[in-house]
Amino acid sequence: MDARLLLLIFVFPVVDPSYLIYDLETECLNGSVKFDLSKWGAKSAAILRATSHTSFSLRMHCRARLEAPQGYAVMVSLREIGFRTNIDGSCKDYLQIQNRPICEKIFRKDEERHFDSLSNHPSNVMEILYHTGDGLDNKTLSGYPGFTFTFTAFTKGSKENISAFECTNANLIWPGLTCDGHNNCGDLSDEDPYGDANCGSGMTQGPEVLMILGILIVFVLIVMCVATLLCTRNEAISRIRRRTLSYIPKFKSST
């Protein structure tokens, strides 16, 4: 297999293949869109990002409604924010959550910063607003990543399902969301290396494990290629030397 292909597969893995990943710019065709969560199973959490590209589009204005089933609430955990700001520090582009525009740079793999819909009306709905301003020279892309966050359905109170994972903050989530590198609980207890989650030594980051594995594989391939080239080169040099020596006339020594 080509080393470049392995590099793409392992060093740049698909982000969280077990999660549904929505690109807001693709989904929001009419200025608004709704995303429904299940109360149980893999569809009880998803990832929402501004775009599948490395740069978000300009002149976007979209309202998104994140909705959990009745009796449940929505947890939003921010992973990345990358927007432009004006000279005075105000937001040129932003993600608005609970009427609060957010544009300051954030990149937290633990997704520590979070919001929940418990105080909203209704409490099972979280509404966000995605807004991007104009650009210069008729540009359509900003050069910034936008946002990425995880959103999860959770409930409180008695366990509807006996196998539900109970977070330290008493939130109940599907147990399949533990130890996956995402803050589904809101207090990070679903990623605790000890405690009830028992994720082992540090947070389990599937993509990071693949990245390390990919780097090792690519390194081994490079070493093998270099060794092969050196061996081939040495063999070629040896052949040239033998040919050269064969053309040199041999003089008989006088007796």
C-alpha atoms as a PDB file:
ATOM      1  CA  MET A   1       0.000   0.000   0.000  1.00  0.00           C
ATOM      2  CA  ASP A   2       1.215   3.512  -0.860  1.00  0.00           C
ATOM      3  CA  ALA A   3       2.693   5.300   2.153  1.00  0.00           C
ATOM      4  CA  ARG A   4       0.700   8.437   1.285  1.00  0.00           C
ATOM      5  CA  LEU A   5      -2.559   6.475   1.422  1.00  0.00           C
ATOM      6  CA  LEU A   6      -1.659   5.061   4.819  1.00  0.00           C
ATOM      7  CA  LEU A   7      -0.853   8.577   5.977  1.00  0.00           C
ATOM      8  CA  LEU A   8      -4.336   9.725   4.990  1.00  0.00           C
ATOM      9  CA  ILE A   9      -6.019   6.757   6.630  1.00  0.00           C
ATOM     10  CA  PHE A  10      -4.159   6.786   9.929  1.00  0.00           C
ATOM     11  CA  VAL A  11      -2.736  10.245  10.512  1.00  0.00           C
ATOM     12  CA  PHE A  12      -5.882  12.043   9.365  1.00  0.00           C
ATOM     13  CA  PRO A  13      -8.678   9.721  10.513  1.00  0.00           C
ATOM     14  CA  VAL A  14     -12.350  10.472  10.066  1.00  0.00           C
ATOM     15  CA  VAL A  15     -13.602  12.384  13.084  1.00  0.00           C
ATOM     16  CA  ASP A  16     -15.525  10.066  15.394  1.00  0.00           C
ATOM     17  CA  PRO A  17     -17.023   7.586  12.919  1.00  0.00           C
ATOM     18  CA  SER A  18     -19.467   6.360  15.624  1.00  0.00           C
ATOM     19  CA  TYR A  19     -21.150   9.787  15.825  1.00  0.00           C
ATOM     20  CA  LEU A  20     -23.560  11.312  13.361  1.00  0.00           C
ATOM     21  CA  ILE A  21     -21.819  14.421  12.030  1.00  0.00           C
ATOM     22  CA  TYR A  22     -23.916  17.297  10.678  1.00  0.00           C
ATOM     23  CA  ASP A  23     -22.544  20.222   8.675  1.00  0.00           C
ATOM     24  CA  LEU A  24     -24.763  23.215   9.361  1.00  0.00           C
ATOM     25  CA  GLU A  25     -23.993  24.999   6.094  1.00  0.00           C
ATOM     26  CA  THR A  26     -25.116  21.901   4.191  1.00  0.00           C
ATOM     27  CA  GLU A  27     -28.213  21.232   6.299  1.00  0.00           C
ATOM     28  CA  CYS A  28     -29.432  24.820   6.646  1.00  0.00           C
ATOM     29  CA  LEU A  29     -30.792  25.549   3.187  1.00  0.00           C
ATOM     30  CA  ASN A  30     -33.735  27.773   4.156  1.00  0.00           C
ATOM     31  CA  GLY A  31     -32.359  29.720   7.123  1.00  0.00           C
ATOM     32  CA  SER A  32     -33.426  27.198   9.764  1.00  0.00           C
ATOM     33  CA  VAL A  33     -33.036  23.511  10.535  1.00  0.00           C
ATOM     34  CA  LYS A  34     -33.953  21.025  13.260  1.00  0.00           C
ATOM     35  CA  PHE A  35     -31.865  18.158  14.642  1.00  0.00           C
ATOM     36  CA  ASP A  36     -33.627  15.454  16.675  1.00  0.00           C
ATOM     37  CA  LEU A  37     -31.891  13.268  19.243  1.00  0.00           C
ATOM     38  CA  SER A  38     -32.996   9.849  20.421  1.00  0.00           C
ATOM     39  CA  LYS A  39     -33.141   9.184  24.150  1.00  0.00           C
ATOM     40  CA  TRP A  40     -31.124   5.981  23.800  1.00  0.00           C
ATOM     41  CA  GLY A  41     -28.525   4.469  21.502  1.00  0.00           C
ATOM     42  CA  ALA A  42     -25.984   5.922  19.084  1.00  0.00           C
ATOM     43  CA  LYS A  43     -28.419   8.610  17.920  1.00  0.00           C
ATOM     44  CA  SER A  44     -28.705  10.065  21.432  1.00  0.00           C
ATOM     45  CA  ALA A  45     -25.644  12.199  20.640  1.00  0.00           C
ATOM     46  CA  ALA A  46     -24.232  13.844  17.532  1.00  0.00           C
ATOM     47  CA  ILE A  47     -21.636  16.333  16.355  1.00  0.00           C
ATOM     48  CA  LEU A  48     -22.579  19.633  14.737  1.00  0.00           C
ATOM     49  CA  ARG A  49     -19.983  21.724  12.931  1.00  0.00           C
ATOM     50  CA  ALA A  50     -20.128  24.807  10.762  1.00  0.00           C
ATOM     51  CA  THR A  51     -18.834  23.144   7.625  1.00  0.00           C
ATOM     52  CA  SER A  52     -17.089  20.071   6.292  1.00  0.00           C
ATOM     53  CA  HIS A  53     -14.478  22.363   4.739  1.00  0.00           C
ATOM     54  CA  THR A  54     -11.528  23.963   6.514  1.00  0.00           C
ATOM     55  CA  SER A  55     -13.110  27.403   6.186  1.00  0.00           C
ATOM     56  CA  PHE A  56     -16.692  28.504   6.837  1.00  0.00           C
ATOM     57  CA  SER A  57     -18.740  30.493   4.331  1.00  0.00           C
ATOM     58  CA  LEU A  58     -19.486  34.184   4.617  1.00  0.00           C
ATOM     59  CA  ARG A  59     -22.935  35.792   4.791  1.00  0.00           C
ATOM     60  CA  MET A  60     -24.545  32.869   6.600  1.00  0.00           C
ATOM     61  CA  HIS A  61     -27.475  33.269   8.985  1.00  0.00           C
ATOM     62  CA  CYS A  62     -29.037  30.066  10.285  1.00  0.00           C
ATOM     63  CA  ARG A  63     -31.165  29.106  13.270  1.00  0.00           C
ATOM     64  CA  ALA A  64     -30.792  25.514  14.422  1.00  0.00           C
ATOM     65  CA  ARG A  65     -33.070  23.733  16.869  1.00  0.00           C
ATOM     66  CA  LEU A  66     -31.574  20.835  18.839  1.00  0.00           C
ATOM     67  CA  GLU A  67     -34.362  18.750  20.330  1.00  0.00           C
ATOM     68  CA  ALA A  68     -34.356  15.781  22.717  1.00  0.00           C
ATOM     69  CA  PRO A  69     -37.415  13.604  23.469  1.00  0.00           C
ATOM     70  CA  GLN A  70     -39.902  14.761  26.115  1.00  0.00           C
ATOM     71  CA  GLY A  71     -38.515  14.220  29.608  1.00  0.00           C
ATOM     72  CA  TYR A  72     -34.965  14.698  28.340  1.00  0.00           C
ATOM     73  CA  ALA A  73     -32.722  17.732  27.936  1.00  0.00           C
ATOM     74  CA  VAL A  74     -29.889  18.728  25.593  1.00  0.00           C
ATOM     75  CA  MET A  75     -26.226  19.096  26.563  1.00  0.00           C
ATOM     76  CA  VAL A  76     -23.972  21.117  24.236  1.00  0.00           C
ATOM     77  CA  SER A  77     -20.205  20.735  24.759  1.00  0.00           C
ATOM     78  CA  LEU A  78     -17.947  23.049  22.754  1.00  0.00           C
ATOM     79  CA  ARG A  79     -14.912  21.521  21.070  1.00  0.00           C
ATOM     80  CA  GLU A  80     -13.782  24.311  18.755  1.00  0.00           C
ATOM     81  CA  ILE A  81     -14.658  27.940  18.072  1.00  0.00           C
ATOM     82  CA  GLY A  82     -12.801  29.873  15.381  1.00  0.00           C
ATOM     83  CA  PHE A  83     -14.455  33.099  14.248  1.00  0.00           C
ATOM     84  CA  ARG A  84     -13.349  36.570  13.173  1.00  0.00           C
ATOM     85  CA  THR A  85     -13.557  39.497  15.556  1.00  0.00           C
ATOM     86  CA  ASN A  86     -13.664  43.242  14.949  1.00  0.00           C
ATOM     87  CA  ILE A  87     -10.896  45.620  16.025  1.00  0.00           C
ATOM     88  CA  ASP A  88     -12.788  46.440  19.232  1.00  0.00           C
ATOM     89  CA  GLY A  89     -13.017  42.736  20.106  1.00  0.00           C
ATOM     90  CA  SER A  90     -16.688  42.376  19.241  1.00  0.00           C
ATOM     91  CA  CYS A  91     -17.850  39.416  17.189  1.00  0.00           C
ATOM     92  CA  LYS A  92     -17.846  39.696  13.408  1.00  0.00           C
ATOM     93  CA  ASP A  93     -19.065  36.105  13.184  1.00  0.00           C
ATOM     94  CA  TYR A  94     -20.502  34.093  16.045  1.00  0.00           C
ATOM     95  CA  LEU A  95     -22.332  31.090  17.397  1.00  0.00           C
ATOM     96  CA  GLN A  96     -25.155  32.213  19.682  1.00  0.00           C
ATOM     97  CA  ILE A  97     -26.218  29.855  22.471  1.00  0.00           C
ATOM     98  CA  GLN A  98     -28.895  30.880  24.988  1.00  0.00           C
ATOM     99  CA  ASN A  99     -28.847  34.446  23.605  1.00  0.00           C
ATOM    100  CA  ARG A 100     -25.091  34.734  24.147  1.00  0.00           C
ATOM    101  CA  PRO A 101     -22.860  35.292  21.074  1.00  0.00           C
ATOM    102  CA  ILE A 102     -19.613  33.307  21.267  1.00  0.00           C
ATOM    103  CA  CYS A 103     -16.652  34.135  19.045  1.00  0.00           C
ATOM    104  CA  GLU A 104     -13.561  33.859  21.258  1.00  0.00           C
ATOM    105  CA  LYS A 105     -11.114  31.202  20.116  1.00  0.00           C
ATOM    106  CA  ILE A 106     -11.653  27.816  21.774  1.00  0.00           C
ATOM    107  CA  PHE A 107      -9.968  24.508  21.110  1.00  0.00           C
ATOM    108  CA  ARG A 108     -10.545  22.044  23.933  1.00  0.00           C
ATOM    109  CA  LYS A 109     -10.452  18.344  23.202  1.00  0.00           C
ATOM    110  CA  ASP A 110     -12.073  17.697  26.574  1.00  0.00           C
ATOM    111  CA  GLU A 111     -15.022  19.942  25.588  1.00  0.00           C
ATOM    112  CA  GLU A 112     -15.099  21.377  29.102  1.00  0.00           C
ATOM    113  CA  ARG A 113     -17.204  24.429  28.226  1.00  0.00           C
ATOM    114  CA  HIS A 114     -20.812  23.354  28.017  1.00  0.00           C
ATOM    115  CA  PHE A 115     -24.439  24.484  28.086  1.00  0.00           C
ATOM    116  CA  ASP A 116     -27.632  22.588  28.917  1.00  0.00           C
ATOM    117  CA  SER A 117     -31.282  23.233  28.140  1.00  0.00           C
ATOM    118  CA  LEU A 118     -32.690  22.528  31.625  1.00  0.00           C
ATOM    119  CA  SER A 119     -33.550  26.196  32.213  1.00  0.00           C
ATOM    120  CA  ASN A 120     -35.013  26.655  28.728  1.00  0.00           C
ATOM    121  CA  HIS A 121     -38.698  26.605  27.837  1.00  0.00           C
ATOM    122  CA  PRO A 122     -39.309  23.934  26.762  1.00  0.00           C
ATOM    123  CA  SER A 123     -36.466  22.239  28.612  1.00  0.00           C
ATOM    124  CA  ASN A 124     -35.859  19.617  25.915  1.00  0.00           C
ATOM    125  CA  VAL A 125     -34.884  22.202  23.288  1.00  0.00           C
ATOM    126  CA  MET A 126     -31.691  24.157  22.677  1.00  0.00           C
ATOM    127  CA  GLU A 127     -31.775  26.810  19.971  1.00  0.00           C
ATOM    128  CA  ILE A 128     -28.612  28.217  18.429  1.00  0.00           C
ATOM    129  CA  LEU A 129     -27.906  30.927  15.887  1.00  0.00           C
ATOM    130  CA  TYR A 130     -25.017  30.738  13.436  1.00  0.00           C
ATOM    131  CA  HIS A 131     -24.077  34.063  11.865  1.00  0.00           C
ATOM    132  CA  THR A 132     -21.171  35.048   9.626  1.00  0.00           C
ATOM    133  CA  GLY A 133     -20.524  38.529   8.270  1.00  0.00           C
ATOM    134  CA  ASP A 134     -19.293  39.856   4.941  1.00  0.00           C
ATOM    135  CA  GLY A 135     -15.786  39.512   3.555  1.00  0.00           C
ATOM    136  CA  LEU A 136     -13.412  41.611   1.496  1.00  0.00           C
ATOM    137  CA  ASP A 137     -12.821  41.455  -2.261  1.00  0.00           C
ATOM    138  CA  ASN A 138     -15.978  39.412  -2.844  1.00  0.00           C
ATOM    139  CA  LYS A 139     -14.581  36.434  -0.960  1.00  0.00           C
ATOM    140  CA  THR A 140     -16.971  33.606  -0.151  1.00  0.00           C
ATOM    141  CA  LEU A 141     -14.814  31.774   2.411  1.00  0.00           C
ATOM    142  CA  SER A 142     -13.516  33.217   5.663  1.00  0.00           C
ATOM    143  CA  GLY A 143     -10.274  31.353   6.291  1.00  0.00           C
ATOM    144  CA  TYR A 144     -11.555  30.322   9.747  1.00  0.00           C
ATOM    145  CA  PRO A 145     -12.941  26.932  10.898  1.00  0.00           C
ATOM    146  CA  GLY A 146     -16.171  28.158  12.535  1.00  0.00           C
ATOM    147  CA  PHE A 147     -17.350  25.831  15.274  1.00  0.00           C
ATOM    148  CA  THR A 148     -17.654  22.199  16.315  1.00  0.00           C
ATOM    149  CA  PHE A 149     -19.624  20.889  19.277  1.00  0.00           C
ATOM    150  CA  THR A 150     -21.126  17.685  20.621  1.00  0.00           C
ATOM    151  CA  PHE A 151     -24.791  17.640  21.640  1.00  0.00           C
ATOM    152  CA  THR A 152     -26.308  14.907  23.777  1.00  0.00           C
ATOM    153  CA  ALA A 153     -29.716  13.887  25.098  1.00  0.00           C
ATOM    154  CA  PHE A 154     -29.753  13.317  28.853  1.00  0.00           C
ATOM    155  CA  THR A 155     -32.267  13.006  31.650  1.00  0.00           C
ATOM    156  CA  LYS A 156     -32.366  13.204  35.421  1.00  0.00           C
ATOM    157  CA  GLY A 157     -34.224  11.330  38.117  1.00  0.00           C
ATOM    158  CA  SER A 158     -34.892   7.612  38.256  1.00  0.00           C
ATOM    159  CA  LYS A 159     -33.292   5.438  35.603  1.00  0.00           C
ATOM    160  CA  GLU A 160     -35.718   4.681  32.794  1.00  0.00           C
ATOM    161  CA  ASN A 161     -33.164   2.136  31.608  1.00  0.00           C
ATOM    162  CA  ILE A 162     -31.260   0.276  34.311  1.00  0.00           C
ATOM    163  CA  SER A 163     -28.065   0.259  32.242  1.00  0.00           C
ATOM    164  CA  ALA A 164     -27.968   4.065  31.834  1.00  0.00           C
ATOM    165  CA  PHE A 165     -24.723   5.724  32.885  1.00  0.00           C
ATOM    166  CA  GLU A 166     -25.189   8.106  35.820  1.00  0.00           C
ATOM    167  CA  CYS A 167     -22.874  11.106  35.654  1.00  0.00           C
ATOM    168  CA  THR A 168     -21.463  12.694  38.791  1.00  0.00           C
ATOM    169  CA  ASN A 169     -23.893  15.605  38.269  1.00  0.00           C
ATOM    170  CA  ALA A 170     -26.794  13.069  38.226  1.00  0.00           C
ATOM    171  CA  ASN A 171     -27.330  13.322  34.464  1.00  0.00           C
ATOM    172  CA  LEU A 172     -28.264   9.999  32.860  1.00  0.00           C
ATOM    173  CA  ILE A 173     -26.924   9.146  29.402  1.00  0.00           C
ATOM    174  CA  TRP A 174     -26.622   6.132  27.140  1.00  0.00           C
ATOM    175  CA  PRO A 175     -23.628   4.082  28.445  1.00  0.00           C
ATOM    176  CA  GLY A 176     -22.190   3.761  24.945  1.00  0.00           C
ATOM    177  CA  LEU A 177     -21.103   7.408  25.179  1.00  0.00           C
ATOM    178  CA  THR A 178     -18.547   6.856  27.937  1.00  0.00           C
ATOM    179  CA  CYS A 179     -14.792   6.939  27.313  1.00  0.00           C
ATOM    180  CA  ASP A 180     -15.109   8.269  23.759  1.00  0.00           C
ATOM    181  CA  GLY A 181     -13.356  11.615  24.196  1.00  0.00           C
ATOM    182  CA  HIS A 182     -16.550  13.715  24.308  1.00  0.00           C
ATOM    183  CA  ASN A 183     -18.045  15.529  27.281  1.00  0.00           C
ATOM    184  CA  ASN A 184     -21.560  14.079  27.082  1.00  0.00           C
ATOM    185  CA  CYS A 185     -22.223  14.452  30.819  1.00  0.00           C
ATOM    186  CA  GLY A 186     -21.204  18.099  31.021  1.00  0.00           C
ATOM    187  CA  ASP A 187     -18.934  17.502  34.024  1.00  0.00           C
ATOM    188  CA  LEU A 188     -16.516  15.168  32.174  1.00  0.00           C
ATOM    189  CA  SER A 189     -17.391  12.255  34.480  1.00  0.00           C
ATOM    190  CA  ASP A 190     -18.166  10.049  31.455  1.00  0.00           C
ATOM    191  CA  GLU A 191     -14.473  10.416  30.543  1.00  0.00           C
ATOM    192  CA  ASP A 192     -13.101   9.863  34.052  1.00  0.00           C
ATOM    193  CA  PRO A 193     -10.086   7.517  34.003  1.00  0.00           C
ATOM    194  CA  TYR A 194     -11.304   6.174  37.333  1.00  0.00           C
ATOM    195  CA  GLY A 195     -14.751   6.517  38.945  1.00  0.00           C
ATOM    196  CA  ASP A 196     -17.824   4.938  37.381  1.00  0.00           C
ATOM    197  CA  ALA A 197     -16.654   5.496  33.803  1.00  0.00           C
ATOM    198  CA  ASN A 198     -13.316   3.783  34.533  1.00  0.00           C
ATOM    199  CA  CYS A 199     -11.773   4.867  31.242  1.00  0.00           C
ATOM    200  CA  GLY A 200      -8.305   3.721  32.252  1.00  0.00           C
ATOM    201  CA  SER A 201      -5.144   5.815  32.056  1.00  0.00           C
ATOM    202  CA  GLY A 202      -6.322   9.159  30.696  1.00  0.00           C
ATOM    203  CA  MET A 203      -9.191   9.935  28.372  1.00  0.00           C
ATOM    204  CA  THR A 204      -9.685   7.427  25.597  1.00  0.00           C
ATOM    205  CA  GLN A 205      -9.194   9.231  22.311  1.00  0.00           C
ATOM    206  CA  GLY A 206      -9.891   6.820  19.461  1.00  0.00           C
ATOM    207  CA  PRO A 207      -8.704   9.188  16.708  1.00  0.00           C
ATOM    208  CA  GLU A 208      -5.519   9.960  18.631  1.00  0.00           C
ATOM    209  CA  VAL A 209      -4.738   6.254  19.016  1.00  0.00           C
ATOM    210  CA  LEU A 210      -5.172   5.841  15.258  1.00  0.00           C
ATOM    211  CA  MET A 211      -2.947   8.855  14.686  1.00  0.00           C
ATOM    212  CA  ILE A 212      -0.140   7.382  16.792  1.00  0.00           C
ATOM    213  CA  LEU A 213      -0.555   4.026  15.065  1.00  0.00           C
ATOM    214  CA  GLY A 214      -0.482   5.726  11.677  1.00  0.00           C
ATOM    215  CA  ILE A 215       2.688   7.651  12.496  1.00  0.00           C
ATOM    216  CA  LEU A 216       4.395   4.437  13.588  1.00  0.00           C
ATOM    217  CA  ILE A 217       3.326   2.606  10.428  1.00  0.00           C
ATOM    218  CA  VAL A 218       4.445   5.454   8.172  1.00  0.00           C
ATOM    219  CA  PHE A 219       7.767   5.650  10.036  1.00  0.00           C
ATOM    220  CA  VAL A 220       8.344   1.913   9.542  1.00  0.00           C
ATOM    221  CA  LEU A 221       7.487   2.250   5.841  1.00  0.00           C
ATOM    222  CA  ILE A 222       9.926   5.137   5.450  1.00  0.00           C
ATOM    223  CA  VAL A 223      12.683   3.138   7.149  1.00  0.00           C
ATOM    224  CA  MET A 224      11.945   0.158   4.889  1.00  0.00           C
ATOM    225  CA  CYS A 225      11.988   2.352   1.764  1.00  0.00           C
ATOM    226  CA  VAL A 226      15.267   3.993   2.767  1.00  0.00           C
ATOM    227  CA  ALA A 227      16.814   0.605   3.523  1.00  0.00           C
ATOM    228  CA  THR A 228      15.622  -0.751   0.158  1.00  0.00           C
ATOM    229  CA  LEU A 229      17.013   2.266  -1.697  1.00  0.00           C
ATOM    230  CA  LEU A 230      20.345   1.961   0.073  1.00  0.00           C
ATOM    231  CA  CYS A 231      20.573  -1.742  -0.695  1.00  0.00           C
ATOM    232  CA  THR A 232      19.633  -1.150  -4.350  1.00  0.00           C
ATOM    233  CA  ARG A 233      22.116   1.684  -4.611  1.00  0.00           C
ATOM    234  CA  ASN A 234      24.912  -0.379  -3.077  1.00  0.00           C
ATOM    235  CA  GLU A 235      24.143  -3.251  -5.430  1.00  0.00           C
ATOM    236  CA  ALA A 236      24.183  -0.901  -8.435  1.00  0.00           C
ATOM    237  CA  ILE A 237      27.496   0.596  -7.321  1.00  0.00           C
ATOM    238  CA  SER A 238      28.940  -2.894  -6.932  1.00  0.00           C
ATOM    239  CA  ARG A 239      27.833  -3.819 -10.464  1.00  0.00           C
ATOM    240  CA  ILE A 240      29.388  -0.642 -11.885  1.00  0.00           C
ATOM    241  CA  ARG A 241      32.627  -1.348 -10.086  1.00  0.00           C
ATOM    242  CA  ARG A 242      32.714  -4.917 -11.386  1.00  0.00           C
ATOM    243  CA  ARG A 243      32.094  -3.722 -14.943  1.00  0.00           C
ATOM    244  CA  THR A 244      34.733  -1.037 -14.660  1.00  0.00           C
ATOM    245  CA  LEU A 245      37.265  -3.505 -13.359  1.00  0.00           C
ATOM    246  CA  SER A 246      36.422  -5.941 -16.156  1.00  0.00           C
ATOM    247  CA  TYR A 247      37.358  -3.309 -18.767  1.00  0.00           C
ATOM    248  CA  ILE A 248      40.699  -2.512 -17.221  1.00  0.00           C
ATOM    249  CA  PRO A 249      43.389  -4.467 -19.104  1.00  0.00           C
ATOM    250  CA  LYS A 250      45.395  -6.808 -17.003  1.00  0.00           C
ATOM    251  CA  PHE A 251      49.156  -6.674 -17.500  1.00  0.00           C
ATOM    252  CA  LYS A 252      51.186  -9.793 -17.127  1.00  0.00           C
ATOM    253  CA  SER A 253      54.058  -9.401 -14.788  1.00  0.00           C
ATOM    254  CA  SER A 254      57.468  -9.876 -16.431  1.00  0.00           C
ATOM    255  CA  THR A 255      59.468 -12.835 -15.216  1.00  0.00           C
END
